[in-house]
Amino acid sequence: MSIRLKIILVVLPLIVASVVLAGMSSYFSAAASVTRIATQFLSFKASELQKYADGQYKLLAENGLAGRPDMEAAAKSAVGSFARSILRSPTEAIVALGDDGSLAMSAGAALPSASELPALIAFDGSGASGFSTIKMGGSERVASRFRFEPFGWTVLVTEDRAAFYGDVEAIFRFTMLVLAASVALSVLLLLLTARYLTRPLEEVSSAMRRIIGSNDFSERVPVEYKDEIGQLSHTFNMMLGELGKAYESIKRFAFDAAVAQKKEMKIRNIFQLYVPKDVIDEYFQNPDSMLVGDNRLVSVLFSDIRSFTTISEKMEPDDLVTSLNRYFSLMVDTIMDQGGVVDKYIGDAIMAIFGAPTKHDDDALRSVLAGLEMSSALEAFNRGQRERGKPEFRIGVGINYGIVTVGNIGCEKKMNYTVIGDAVNLASRLEGATKKYLQPILMSQSVRDRVAGTVTCRQVDTVAVKGKTEGVRIYTARTRLGPDETRAWPIHAEALAAYYSRDFTRAADGFREVLDLLPEDRPAALFLDRSLGFSRAAPGPGWDGVEILTEK
């Protein structure tokens, strides 16, 4: 047997085994990752549906509507609509089973048949959340399930098994194709390499034949051939080993980078629904900074729907839910367009912050522009309400700029990125004061000082909010003034100056002039009453003009 054939018989199994092991390792790694990502995506949909159902029920509970069949039916209908909205392929399906084993909600084309319901009811018996394989709609499906106790539902978010594992099968076919090509290429390279490696031995053999045939014993056979072949073989084997390691490292790094990129894009796409893009960019650049609390200057905005209880009593449950969803969508878009972050929903109220986690030089101005645009967006919303014959919404917006504590607040089981402090409380009190002064927006002195050159402002009063003794000037603002407001606001400012200088007669005349131009102006009416009262009985020497607010 020739040395060339021996090399082929020894090396070929090693190469084939290495290629097969590498290919199969890549296949199992890729298949496991694809399956994990698909499973996480299905579980994510189930989680989002559960969050939406929790939000709908929480909305009922916060408004005292839980337990009413009509309101719960509206909430269930909204959950069903949301379930249909998150379906992304014709093979997906979402169903909810009631405690009695009935089909309470469905979304998608695949529905359980009567013969399949007993098995699904038995499957539902555990009531636990998890990931399983079921038979539904005449085919095998994978399902992520969760239990939603308020409705007595067990919800199954499902996908056709063939579609779910389609990418894994494609990876298997591609891997087999690559393995076949790799083995064929390995055999070809081995034949060429064996020929190259044995050529020095052939030269040694030829030289030896020539020496024997010629009997020329002066010709010598270079003995270094044997050493060079050994070194070449050793070096080649070392090179193969190092190349194999490098190839595996490159594949691993490339795969990890691809998975990391997909995860990052998935996280970005999800969280861009809730926070601005620059907030996400800052988190990815320095995630540890997001977990450290600190004190900083931010602008805090509160908004609330006035007389919401009265409005809810006049509307059908499904109409109320639809109107609220439209309202929140408009308000949140307006806040985020100005770079704000919606901190939380408090019933029908919204709390937003400007300046955290990302700080801007004009956070106060951004918050005021957001408040003014919310009023403009509300006008468009109310036009739609009038066209539908539904009650209009009225809101009040309170804004304050000051130092707050920013950070993740809570416990290990539940954290919330938020702001706390007196500046937050003052913004909330200003929102409540909009009801007293009948103004769509009220802001503190600290906000007005930072926006006065850009936004037209008017002092409404000097107040001490509930829980405080020190007075603060409060202002309202408009995007643009009408002709009467253009004339009335300077007169109001002069009358205020006279009022605070204790010239109550001149102040009363000024406020009357304001009311002649703006008959429904609440601040002028309030100050006219105060001026007339003080004209009859002057306040004491310690009077500073601060109005004490006793309500939140």
Protein backbone atom coordinates (compact mmCIF):
# COMPACT_ATOMS: atom_id res chain seq x y z
CA MET A 1 0.00 0.00 0.00
CA SER A 2 1.46 3.36 -1.02
CA ILE A 3 2.18 6.10 1.47
CA ARG A 4 -0.21 8.41 -0.40
CA LEU A 5 -3.08 5.97 0.11
CA LYS A 6 -2.14 5.52 3.77
CA ILE A 7 -2.27 9.28 4.29
CA ILE A 8 -5.70 9.42 2.65
CA LEU A 9 -7.04 6.52 4.75
CA VAL A 10 -5.70 8.04 7.98
CA VAL A 11 -6.52 11.71 7.43
CA LEU A 12 -9.81 11.43 5.53
CA PRO A 13 -11.86 10.02 8.48
CA LEU A 14 -10.45 12.75 10.74
CA ILE A 15 -11.40 15.53 8.33
CA VAL A 16 -14.84 14.11 7.62
CA ALA A 17 -15.51 13.61 11.33
CA SER A 18 -14.35 17.16 12.11
CA VAL A 19 -16.48 18.68 9.35
CA VAL A 20 -19.53 16.65 10.38
CA LEU A 21 -19.07 17.50 14.05
CA ALA A 22 -18.58 21.19 13.25
CA GLY A 23 -21.62 21.27 10.95
CA MET A 24 -23.88 19.38 13.33
CA SER A 25 -22.70 21.53 16.25
CA SER A 26 -23.56 24.65 14.26
CA TYR A 27 -26.93 23.16 13.32
CA PHE A 28 -27.91 22.24 16.87
CA SER A 29 -26.72 25.62 18.18
CA ALA A 30 -28.61 27.57 15.51
CA ALA A 31 -31.73 25.39 15.82
CA ALA A 32 -31.77 25.79 19.59
CA SER A 33 -31.34 29.55 19.28
CA VAL A 34 -34.05 29.91 16.63
CA THR A 35 -36.42 27.78 18.72
CA ARG A 36 -35.61 29.82 21.82
CA ILE A 37 -36.22 33.11 20.02
CA ALA A 38 -39.50 31.84 18.54
CA THR A 39 -40.58 30.60 21.97
CA GLN A 40 -39.68 33.93 23.56
CA PHE A 41 -41.63 35.78 20.86
CA LEU A 42 -44.72 33.63 21.47
CA SER A 43 -44.35 34.07 25.22
CA PHE A 44 -43.86 37.80 24.73
CA LYS A 45 -47.19 38.03 22.91
CA ALA A 46 -48.84 36.16 25.77
CA SER A 47 -47.20 38.54 28.25
CA GLU A 48 -48.36 41.61 26.29
CA LEU A 49 -51.90 40.24 26.08
CA GLN A 50 -51.87 39.55 29.82
CA LYS A 51 -50.61 43.09 30.52
CA TYR A 52 -53.34 44.53 28.32
CA ALA A 53 -56.02 42.44 30.07
CA ASP A 54 -54.64 43.53 33.47
CA GLY A 55 -54.75 47.15 32.31
CA GLN A 56 -58.37 46.84 31.14
CA TYR A 57 -59.47 45.27 34.41
CA LYS A 58 -57.45 47.76 36.42
CA LEU A 59 -59.20 50.58 34.56
CA LEU A 60 -62.55 49.07 35.60
CA ALA A 61 -61.43 48.63 39.20
CA GLU A 62 -60.02 52.14 39.53
CA ASN A 63 -63.26 53.63 38.28
CA GLY A 64 -65.44 51.41 40.49
CA LEU A 65 -66.88 49.55 37.49
CA ALA A 66 -65.59 46.07 38.27
CA GLY A 67 -68.34 43.51 38.70
CA ARG A 68 -70.70 45.19 36.26
CA PRO A 69 -71.46 42.69 33.49
CA ASP A 70 -71.76 45.32 30.78
CA MET A 71 -68.43 46.94 31.70
CA GLU A 72 -66.67 43.58 31.96
CA ALA A 73 -68.15 42.59 28.59
CA ALA A 74 -66.70 45.78 27.09
CA ALA A 75 -63.31 45.06 28.65
CA LYS A 76 -63.42 41.47 27.33
CA SER A 77 -64.28 42.80 23.88
CA ALA A 78 -61.32 45.19 24.07
CA VAL A 79 -59.03 42.30 25.07
CA GLY A 80 -60.33 40.30 22.10
CA SER A 81 -59.66 43.24 19.77
CA PHE A 82 -56.16 43.59 21.13
CA ALA A 83 -55.57 39.84 20.68
CA ARG A 84 -56.54 40.14 17.03
CA SER A 85 -54.26 43.14 16.59
CA ILE A 86 -51.13 41.28 17.74
CA LEU A 87 -51.57 38.39 15.28
CA ARG A 88 -48.86 38.62 12.63
CA SER A 89 -49.43 35.54 10.48
CA PRO A 90 -52.46 33.58 9.25
CA THR A 91 -51.28 30.52 11.18
CA GLU A 92 -51.40 32.21 14.59
CA ALA A 93 -54.44 31.91 16.81
CA ILE A 94 -55.45 33.05 20.30
CA VAL A 95 -58.26 31.49 22.31
CA ALA A 96 -59.56 31.86 25.85
CA LEU A 97 -61.32 29.03 27.70
CA GLY A 98 -63.81 29.79 30.43
CA ASP A 99 -63.99 27.96 33.75
CA ASP A 100 -66.87 25.91 32.33
CA GLY A 101 -64.71 24.77 29.41
CA SER A 102 -66.46 27.02 26.89
CA LEU A 103 -64.70 29.06 24.25
CA ALA A 104 -64.83 32.56 25.76
CA MET A 105 -62.73 34.45 23.18
CA SER A 106 -60.99 33.65 19.92
CA ALA A 107 -58.73 35.42 17.44
CA GLY A 108 -57.35 33.87 14.26
CA ALA A 109 -58.53 31.22 11.83
CA ALA A 110 -57.64 28.12 13.86
CA LEU A 111 -60.42 27.32 16.33
CA PRO A 112 -60.84 24.23 18.51
CA SER A 113 -63.46 21.79 17.30
CA ALA A 114 -66.04 20.19 19.57
CA SER A 115 -64.01 16.97 19.60
CA GLU A 116 -60.85 18.85 20.65
CA LEU A 117 -62.42 20.81 23.50
CA PRO A 118 -62.30 17.93 26.05
CA ALA A 119 -58.54 17.62 25.58
CA LEU A 120 -58.08 21.37 25.86
CA ILE A 121 -60.25 21.47 28.99
CA ALA A 122 -58.08 18.76 30.56
CA PHE A 123 -54.99 20.69 29.44
CA ASP A 124 -56.47 23.79 31.05
CA GLY A 125 -56.98 21.99 34.34
CA SER A 126 -53.62 22.92 35.79
CA GLY A 127 -54.38 26.63 35.46
CA ALA A 128 -50.65 27.33 35.27
CA SER A 129 -48.71 29.48 32.85
CA GLY A 130 -46.26 27.82 30.49
CA PHE A 131 -45.39 26.52 27.04
CA SER A 132 -46.85 23.29 25.64
CA THR A 133 -47.90 21.40 22.50
CA ILE A 134 -51.63 20.99 21.87
CA LYS A 135 -54.03 19.73 19.21
CA MET A 136 -56.33 22.45 17.92
CA GLY A 137 -58.05 23.18 14.63
CA GLY A 138 -57.13 19.76 13.26
CA SER A 139 -53.36 20.28 13.57
CA GLU A 140 -50.63 20.22 16.16
CA ARG A 141 -49.81 23.63 17.60
CA VAL A 142 -47.42 25.09 20.13
CA ALA A 143 -49.02 27.25 22.79
CA SER A 144 -48.01 29.73 25.47
CA ARG A 145 -50.71 29.98 28.11
CA PHE A 146 -51.57 32.05 31.14
CA ARG A 147 -54.39 32.26 33.63
CA PHE A 148 -56.40 35.52 33.95
CA GLU A 149 -58.46 35.13 37.12
CA PRO A 150 -60.61 38.34 36.91
CA PHE A 151 -62.39 36.94 33.81
CA GLY A 152 -61.98 33.26 34.75
CA TRP A 153 -60.04 32.69 31.52
CA THR A 154 -57.18 30.45 30.56
CA VAL A 155 -55.67 32.10 27.48
CA LEU A 156 -53.73 30.14 24.84
CA VAL A 157 -51.48 32.04 22.39
CA THR A 158 -50.75 29.42 19.68
CA GLU A 159 -48.84 28.93 16.46
CA ASP A 160 -48.96 26.09 13.95
CA ARG A 161 -46.20 23.61 14.79
CA ALA A 162 -45.04 23.35 11.17
CA ALA A 163 -44.76 27.13 10.87
CA PHE A 164 -43.15 27.40 14.33
CA TYR A 165 -40.37 24.94 13.47
CA GLY A 166 -40.13 25.92 9.78
CA ASP A 167 -36.88 27.86 10.26
CA VAL A 168 -35.33 24.93 12.15
CA GLU A 169 -36.10 22.56 9.25
CA ALA A 170 -34.66 25.05 6.77
CA ILE A 171 -31.48 25.23 8.88
CA PHE A 172 -31.28 21.41 8.84
CA ARG A 173 -31.55 21.24 5.04
CA PHE A 174 -28.99 23.98 4.60
CA THR A 175 -26.63 22.29 7.08
CA MET A 176 -26.85 18.98 5.23
CA LEU A 177 -26.10 20.79 1.96
CA VAL A 178 -23.10 22.55 3.48
CA LEU A 179 -21.84 19.28 5.01
CA ALA A 180 -22.02 17.47 1.68
CA ALA A 181 -20.17 20.28 -0.07
CA SER A 182 -17.61 20.46 2.75
CA VAL A 183 -16.92 16.70 2.64
CA ALA A 184 -16.53 16.77 -1.16
CA LEU A 185 -14.21 19.75 -0.94
CA SER A 186 -12.26 18.09 1.89
CA VAL A 187 -11.70 14.92 -0.16
CA LEU A 188 -10.50 16.97 -3.15
CA LEU A 189 -8.13 19.01 -1.00
CA LEU A 190 -6.86 15.87 0.73
CA LEU A 191 -5.97 14.23 -2.61
CA LEU A 192 -4.10 17.35 -3.71
CA THR A 193 -2.37 17.70 -0.34
CA ALA A 194 -1.34 14.04 -0.22
CA ARG A 195 0.20 14.37 -3.66
CA TYR A 196 2.05 17.50 -2.57
CA LEU A 197 3.29 15.89 0.66
CA THR A 198 4.54 12.68 -1.02
CA ARG A 199 6.37 14.44 -3.84
CA PRO A 200 9.60 14.81 -1.72
CA LEU A 201 9.52 11.05 -0.99
CA GLU A 202 9.18 10.36 -4.71
CA GLU A 203 12.22 12.54 -5.33
CA VAL A 204 14.16 10.61 -2.66
CA SER A 205 13.07 7.33 -4.24
CA SER A 206 14.08 8.51 -7.74
CA ALA A 207 17.42 9.65 -6.45
CA MET A 208 17.98 6.30 -4.81
CA ARG A 209 17.09 4.50 -8.08
CA ARG A 210 19.48 6.66 -10.02
CA ILE A 211 22.22 5.94 -7.52
CA ILE A 212 21.57 2.17 -7.71
CA GLY A 213 21.27 2.21 -11.53
CA SER A 214 24.37 4.27 -12.09
CA ASN A 215 26.41 2.76 -9.35
CA ASP A 216 27.60 6.30 -8.76
CA PHE A 217 28.21 6.14 -5.03
CA SER A 218 29.44 9.72 -4.98
CA GLU A 219 25.86 10.99 -5.38
CA ARG A 220 24.23 11.55 -2.06
CA VAL A 221 20.57 11.45 -0.96
CA PRO A 222 19.73 14.53 1.08
CA VAL A 223 18.78 13.13 4.42
CA GLU A 224 17.02 16.39 5.34
CA TYR A 225 13.98 15.34 3.28
CA LYS A 226 12.81 13.11 6.05
CA ASP A 227 13.16 15.85 8.67
CA GLU A 228 11.43 18.42 6.47
CA ILE A 229 8.53 16.05 5.76
CA GLY A 230 8.13 15.42 9.46
CA GLN A 231 8.26 19.12 10.24
CA LEU A 232 5.88 19.87 7.39
CA SER A 233 3.43 17.23 8.62
CA HIS A 234 3.69 18.52 12.18
CA THR A 235 3.27 22.13 11.07
CA PHE A 236 0.37 21.22 8.82
CA ASN A 237 -1.37 19.38 11.67
CA MET A 238 -0.78 22.33 14.00
CA MET A 239 -2.08 24.68 11.33
CA LEU A 240 -5.21 22.58 10.89
CA GLY A 241 -5.78 22.59 14.63
CA GLU A 242 -5.33 26.37 14.91
CA LEU A 243 -7.43 27.02 11.83
CA GLY A 244 -10.18 24.80 13.27
CA LYS A 245 -10.12 26.75 16.53
CA ALA A 246 -10.15 30.08 14.71
CA TYR A 247 -13.03 28.95 12.50
CA GLU A 248 -15.09 27.84 15.50
CA SER A 249 -14.34 31.11 17.30
CA ILE A 250 -15.34 33.15 14.26
CA LYS A 251 -18.60 31.21 13.90
CA ARG A 252 -19.38 31.60 17.59
CA PHE A 253 -18.62 35.31 17.61
CA ALA A 254 -20.62 35.88 14.41
CA PHE A 255 -23.60 33.96 15.78
CA ASP A 256 -23.48 35.73 19.15
CA ALA A 257 -23.24 39.10 17.40
CA ALA A 258 -26.24 38.30 15.19
CA VAL A 259 -28.34 37.14 18.16
CA ALA A 260 -27.28 40.16 20.24
CA GLN A 261 -28.17 42.51 17.39
CA LYS A 262 -31.59 40.91 16.97
CA LYS A 263 -32.25 41.11 20.72
CA GLU A 264 -31.17 44.75 20.82
CA MET A 265 -33.39 45.64 17.86
CA LYS A 266 -36.30 43.77 19.46
CA ILE A 267 -35.85 45.65 22.74
CA ARG A 268 -35.51 48.97 20.92
CA ASN A 269 -38.67 48.34 18.87
CA ILE A 270 -40.64 47.42 21.99
CA PHE A 271 -39.49 50.27 24.24
CA GLN A 272 -39.76 52.94 21.55
CA LEU A 273 -43.50 52.54 22.11
CA TYR A 274 -43.02 53.89 25.64
CA VAL A 275 -39.96 56.16 25.74
CA PRO A 276 -38.12 58.37 23.21
CA LYS A 277 -35.32 56.98 21.07
CA ASP A 278 -32.61 59.03 22.82
CA VAL A 279 -33.58 57.50 26.18
CA ILE A 280 -33.07 54.01 24.76
CA ASP A 281 -29.74 55.04 23.21
CA GLU A 282 -28.52 56.37 26.57
CA TYR A 283 -29.55 53.16 28.32
CA PHE A 284 -27.67 50.95 25.85
CA GLN A 285 -24.57 53.16 26.07
CA ASN A 286 -24.50 53.22 29.88
CA PRO A 287 -27.12 50.91 31.43
CA ASP A 288 -25.67 51.09 34.96
CA SER A 289 -26.36 54.84 35.13
CA MET A 290 -30.10 54.15 34.85
CA LEU A 291 -30.08 52.32 38.19
CA VAL A 292 -28.46 55.09 40.26
CA GLY A 293 -30.71 57.68 41.86
CA ASP A 294 -29.69 61.34 41.86
CA ASN A 295 -31.09 64.84 42.34
CA ARG A 296 -31.65 66.89 39.22
CA LEU A 297 -33.73 69.70 37.75
CA VAL A 298 -36.70 68.40 35.76
CA SER A 299 -40.05 69.67 34.60
CA VAL A 300 -43.04 67.66 35.90
CA LEU A 301 -46.41 67.69 34.12
CA PHE A 302 -49.73 66.44 35.49
CA SER A 303 -52.94 66.29 33.45
CA ASP A 304 -56.39 65.08 34.46
CA ILE A 305 -59.83 64.75 32.89
CA ARG A 306 -62.33 66.97 34.67
CA SER A 307 -65.56 65.37 35.92
CA PHE A 308 -64.54 61.98 34.57
CA THR A 309 -67.00 60.15 36.81
CA THR A 310 -69.88 62.18 35.33
CA ILE A 311 -68.63 61.47 31.81
CA SER A 312 -68.35 57.73 32.48
CA GLU A 313 -71.93 57.62 33.73
CA LYS A 314 -73.18 59.11 30.45
CA MET A 315 -71.37 56.65 28.17
CA GLU A 316 -71.71 52.98 27.35
CA PRO A 317 -68.78 50.88 28.62
CA ASP A 318 -67.38 50.01 25.18
CA ASP A 319 -67.70 53.64 24.03
CA LEU A 320 -65.94 54.81 27.20
CA VAL A 321 -63.05 52.39 26.72
CA THR A 322 -62.71 53.37 23.04
CA SER A 323 -62.78 57.09 23.87
CA LEU A 324 -60.20 56.69 26.65
CA ASN A 325 -57.86 54.76 24.38
CA ARG A 326 -58.13 57.47 21.71
CA TYR A 327 -57.57 60.19 24.31
CA PHE A 328 -54.51 58.54 25.89
CA SER A 329 -53.01 57.86 22.45
CA LEU A 330 -53.23 61.55 21.48
CA MET A 331 -51.92 62.83 24.82
CA VAL A 332 -49.00 60.39 25.02
CA ASP A 333 -47.97 61.09 21.41
CA THR A 334 -47.95 64.82 22.19
CA ILE A 335 -45.79 64.35 25.30
CA MET A 336 -43.31 62.05 23.58
CA ASP A 337 -43.06 64.35 20.53
CA GLN A 338 -41.65 67.00 22.89
CA GLY A 339 -39.11 64.56 24.38
CA GLY A 340 -41.09 63.83 27.53
CA VAL A 341 -41.47 60.48 29.24
CA VAL A 342 -44.82 59.25 30.53
CA ASP A 343 -44.01 58.26 34.11
CA LYS A 344 -47.34 56.71 35.05
CA TYR A 345 -51.10 56.71 34.64
CA ILE A 346 -53.13 57.53 37.76
CA GLY A 347 -56.66 56.53 36.82
CA ASP A 348 -57.53 58.98 34.04
CA ALA A 349 -54.59 61.26 34.98
CA ILE A 350 -51.17 61.33 33.31
CA MET A 351 -47.84 62.16 34.97
CA ALA A 352 -44.95 63.02 32.63
CA ILE A 353 -41.38 64.19 33.20
CA PHE A 354 -39.05 66.27 31.03
CA GLY A 355 -35.35 66.05 31.84
CA ALA A 356 -34.97 62.45 32.99
CA PRO A 357 -33.40 60.14 32.09
CA THR A 358 -32.22 62.45 29.25
CA LYS A 359 -31.69 66.11 30.10
CA HIS A 360 -32.26 68.96 27.63
CA ASP A 361 -31.46 72.64 28.02
CA ASP A 362 -35.09 73.55 27.30
CA ASP A 363 -36.98 70.94 29.35
CA ALA A 364 -39.25 73.59 30.91
CA LEU A 365 -40.18 74.94 27.47
CA ARG A 366 -40.76 71.42 26.14
CA SER A 367 -43.18 70.69 29.00
CA VAL A 368 -45.16 73.91 28.40
CA LEU A 369 -45.33 73.30 24.65
CA ALA A 370 -46.52 69.77 25.40
CA GLY A 371 -49.25 71.12 27.70
CA LEU A 372 -50.40 73.63 25.09
CA GLU A 373 -50.36 71.01 22.33
CA MET A 374 -52.35 68.66 24.56
CA SER A 375 -55.09 71.32 24.66
CA SER A 376 -54.94 71.63 20.85
CA ALA A 377 -55.03 67.84 20.45
CA LEU A 378 -58.01 67.75 22.81
CA GLU A 379 -59.92 70.07 20.49
CA ALA A 380 -59.44 67.60 17.63
CA PHE A 381 -60.44 64.76 19.95
CA ASN A 382 -63.62 66.59 20.99
CA ARG A 383 -64.56 67.22 17.36
CA GLY A 384 -64.55 63.47 16.93
CA GLN A 385 -66.61 63.07 20.12
CA ARG A 386 -69.20 65.54 18.85
CA GLU A 387 -69.41 63.76 15.51
CA ARG A 388 -70.06 60.50 17.35
CA GLY A 389 -72.57 62.12 19.68
CA LYS A 390 -70.36 61.43 22.72
CA PRO A 391 -69.51 63.71 25.69
CA GLU A 392 -66.54 66.02 25.26
CA PHE A 393 -63.50 65.85 27.56
CA ARG A 394 -62.05 68.79 29.47
CA ILE A 395 -58.60 68.61 31.00
CA GLY A 396 -56.39 70.58 33.34
CA VAL A 397 -52.59 70.64 33.09
CA GLY A 398 -50.21 71.59 35.93
CA ILE A 399 -46.47 72.09 35.35
CA ASN A 400 -43.60 72.76 37.77
CA TYR A 401 -39.83 72.93 37.30
CA GLY A 402 -37.58 72.07 40.22
CA ILE A 403 -35.21 69.66 41.91
CA VAL A 404 -36.48 66.10 42.32
CA THR A 405 -34.99 62.74 43.18
CA VAL A 406 -34.75 60.58 40.05
CA GLY A 407 -34.11 56.84 40.03
CA ASN A 408 -35.44 53.32 40.27
CA ILE A 409 -37.63 53.29 43.36
CA GLY A 410 -39.27 50.22 44.86
CA CYS A 411 -38.08 46.80 46.02
CA GLU A 412 -36.31 43.81 44.49
CA LYS A 413 -39.59 42.35 43.22
CA LYS A 414 -40.96 45.57 41.70
CA MET A 415 -39.01 48.65 40.60
CA ASN A 416 -40.30 51.81 38.98
CA TYR A 417 -38.18 54.49 37.29
CA THR A 418 -39.81 57.69 38.60
CA VAL A 419 -39.29 61.06 40.30
CA ILE A 420 -40.29 62.16 43.82
CA GLY A 421 -40.07 65.38 45.80
CA ASP A 422 -41.84 68.66 46.60
CA ALA A 423 -41.55 69.78 42.98
CA VAL A 424 -43.69 66.80 41.96
CA ASN A 425 -46.30 67.61 44.61
CA LEU A 426 -46.52 71.25 43.48
CA ALA A 427 -47.13 70.20 39.87
CA SER A 428 -49.97 67.95 41.05
CA ARG A 429 -51.47 70.78 43.14
CA LEU A 430 -51.30 73.16 40.16
CA GLU A 431 -53.22 70.66 38.05
CA GLY A 432 -55.91 70.59 40.74
CA ALA A 433 -55.98 74.40 40.85
CA THR A 434 -57.00 74.58 37.18
CA LYS A 435 -60.50 73.73 38.34
CA LYS A 436 -60.62 76.79 40.64
CA TYR A 437 -59.27 79.25 38.08
CA LEU A 438 -60.93 77.60 35.02
CA GLN A 439 -57.64 77.62 33.11
CA PRO A 440 -56.50 74.78 30.82
CA ILE A 441 -52.90 75.08 32.01
CA LEU A 442 -51.18 76.45 35.13
CA MET A 443 -47.44 76.69 35.71
CA SER A 444 -45.20 77.79 38.54
CA GLN A 445 -42.92 80.84 38.63
CA SER A 446 -39.88 78.62 37.97
CA VAL A 447 -41.42 77.41 34.70
CA ARG A 448 -42.57 80.90 33.62
CA ASP A 449 -39.07 82.33 34.15
CA ARG A 450 -37.68 79.85 31.61
CA VAL A 451 -40.35 80.23 28.92
CA ALA A 452 -41.38 83.89 29.18
CA GLY A 453 -39.40 84.92 26.10
CA THR A 454 -41.01 82.20 23.96
CA VAL A 455 -44.51 81.61 25.31
CA THR A 456 -47.07 84.31 26.18
CA CYS A 457 -47.79 84.01 29.92
CA ARG A 458 -50.20 85.67 32.33
CA GLN A 459 -50.04 85.67 36.13
CA VAL A 460 -53.19 84.09 37.55
CA ASP A 461 -52.55 84.41 41.30
CA THR A 462 -50.07 84.01 44.15
CA VAL A 463 -50.98 80.93 46.14
CA ALA A 464 -49.81 78.65 48.91
CA VAL A 465 -50.87 75.13 47.98
CA LYS A 466 -52.21 72.69 50.53
CA GLY A 467 -49.47 71.57 52.89
CA LYS A 468 -47.29 74.67 52.24
CA THR A 469 -47.15 78.12 53.83
CA GLU A 470 -44.88 79.88 51.34
CA GLY A 471 -46.62 81.56 48.39
CA VAL A 472 -45.71 80.95 44.76
CA ARG A 473 -46.82 82.86 41.71
CA ILE A 474 -48.79 80.81 39.21
CA TYR A 475 -49.28 81.55 35.54
CA THR A 476 -51.29 80.42 32.58
CA ALA A 477 -50.15 80.43 28.94
CA ARG A 478 -51.54 80.43 25.45
CA THR A 479 -50.12 79.43 22.08
CA ARG A 480 -51.63 82.62 20.61
CA LEU A 481 -53.97 85.33 21.91
CA GLY A 482 -57.23 86.50 20.40
CA PRO A 483 -57.88 90.24 19.87
CA ASP A 484 -59.73 90.61 23.20
CA GLU A 485 -57.08 88.65 25.11
CA THR A 486 -54.35 90.76 23.52
CA ARG A 487 -55.97 93.88 25.01
CA ALA A 488 -57.09 92.34 28.31
CA TRP A 489 -53.90 90.61 29.48
CA PRO A 490 -51.78 93.81 29.85
CA ILE A 491 -54.68 95.47 31.71
CA HIS A 492 -54.84 92.44 34.02
CA ALA A 493 -51.10 92.74 34.72
CA GLU A 494 -51.46 96.44 35.65
CA ALA A 495 -54.46 95.69 37.86
CA LEU A 496 -52.48 92.92 39.61
CA ALA A 497 -49.64 95.35 40.30
CA ALA A 498 -52.12 97.80 41.83
CA TYR A 499 -53.69 94.99 43.88
CA TYR A 500 -50.42 93.83 45.39
CA SER A 501 -49.47 97.49 46.13
CA ARG A 502 -52.77 97.75 48.10
CA ASP A 503 -54.38 100.20 45.64
CA PHE A 504 -57.59 98.15 45.59
CA THR A 505 -59.80 100.81 43.99
CA ARG A 506 -57.56 101.14 40.93
CA ALA A 507 -57.20 97.33 40.87
CA ALA A 508 -61.00 96.89 40.87
CA ASP A 509 -61.34 99.31 37.95
CA GLY A 510 -58.72 97.35 36.00
CA PHE A 511 -60.36 93.99 36.63
CA ARG A 512 -63.74 95.43 35.56
CA GLU A 513 -62.15 96.50 32.32
CA VAL A 514 -60.77 92.97 31.85
CA LEU A 515 -64.23 91.50 32.43
CA ASP A 516 -65.73 93.91 29.89
CA LEU A 517 -63.38 92.38 27.31
CA LEU A 518 -63.49 88.80 28.67
CA PRO A 519 -66.81 88.35 30.53
CA GLU A 520 -66.05 84.73 31.49
CA ASP A 521 -62.53 85.37 32.77
CA ARG A 522 -62.36 83.62 36.16
CA PRO A 523 -59.08 85.11 37.48
CA ALA A 524 -60.30 88.69 36.85
CA ALA A 525 -63.64 87.88 38.53
CA LEU A 526 -61.87 86.45 41.60
CA PHE A 527 -59.57 89.46 41.95
CA LEU A 528 -62.46 91.89 41.43
CA ASP A 529 -64.29 90.29 44.38
CA ARG A 530 -61.14 90.44 46.52
CA SER A 531 -60.42 94.06 45.52
CA LEU A 532 -63.95 95.16 46.35
CA GLY A 533 -63.79 93.37 49.68
CA PHE A 534 -60.45 94.95 50.62
CA SER A 535 -61.74 98.38 49.49
CA ARG A 536 -64.38 98.09 52.19
CA ALA A 537 -62.15 96.51 54.81
CA ALA A 538 -58.40 96.83 54.23
CA PRO A 539 -56.24 93.82 55.12
CA GLY A 540 -53.85 93.90 58.03
CA PRO A 541 -50.23 95.10 57.81
CA GLY A 542 -48.95 91.52 57.42
CA TRP A 543 -51.00 90.91 54.26
CA ASP A 544 -48.87 89.71 51.33
CA GLY A 545 -51.58 88.86 48.82
CA VAL A 546 -51.00 85.09 49.07
CA GLU A 547 -54.15 83.03 48.55
CA ILE A 548 -54.25 79.84 50.65
CA LEU A 549 -55.55 76.83 48.69
CA THR A 550 -57.26 74.34 50.97
CA GLU A 551 -58.03 71.74 48.31
CA LYS A 552 -55.67 69.51 46.37
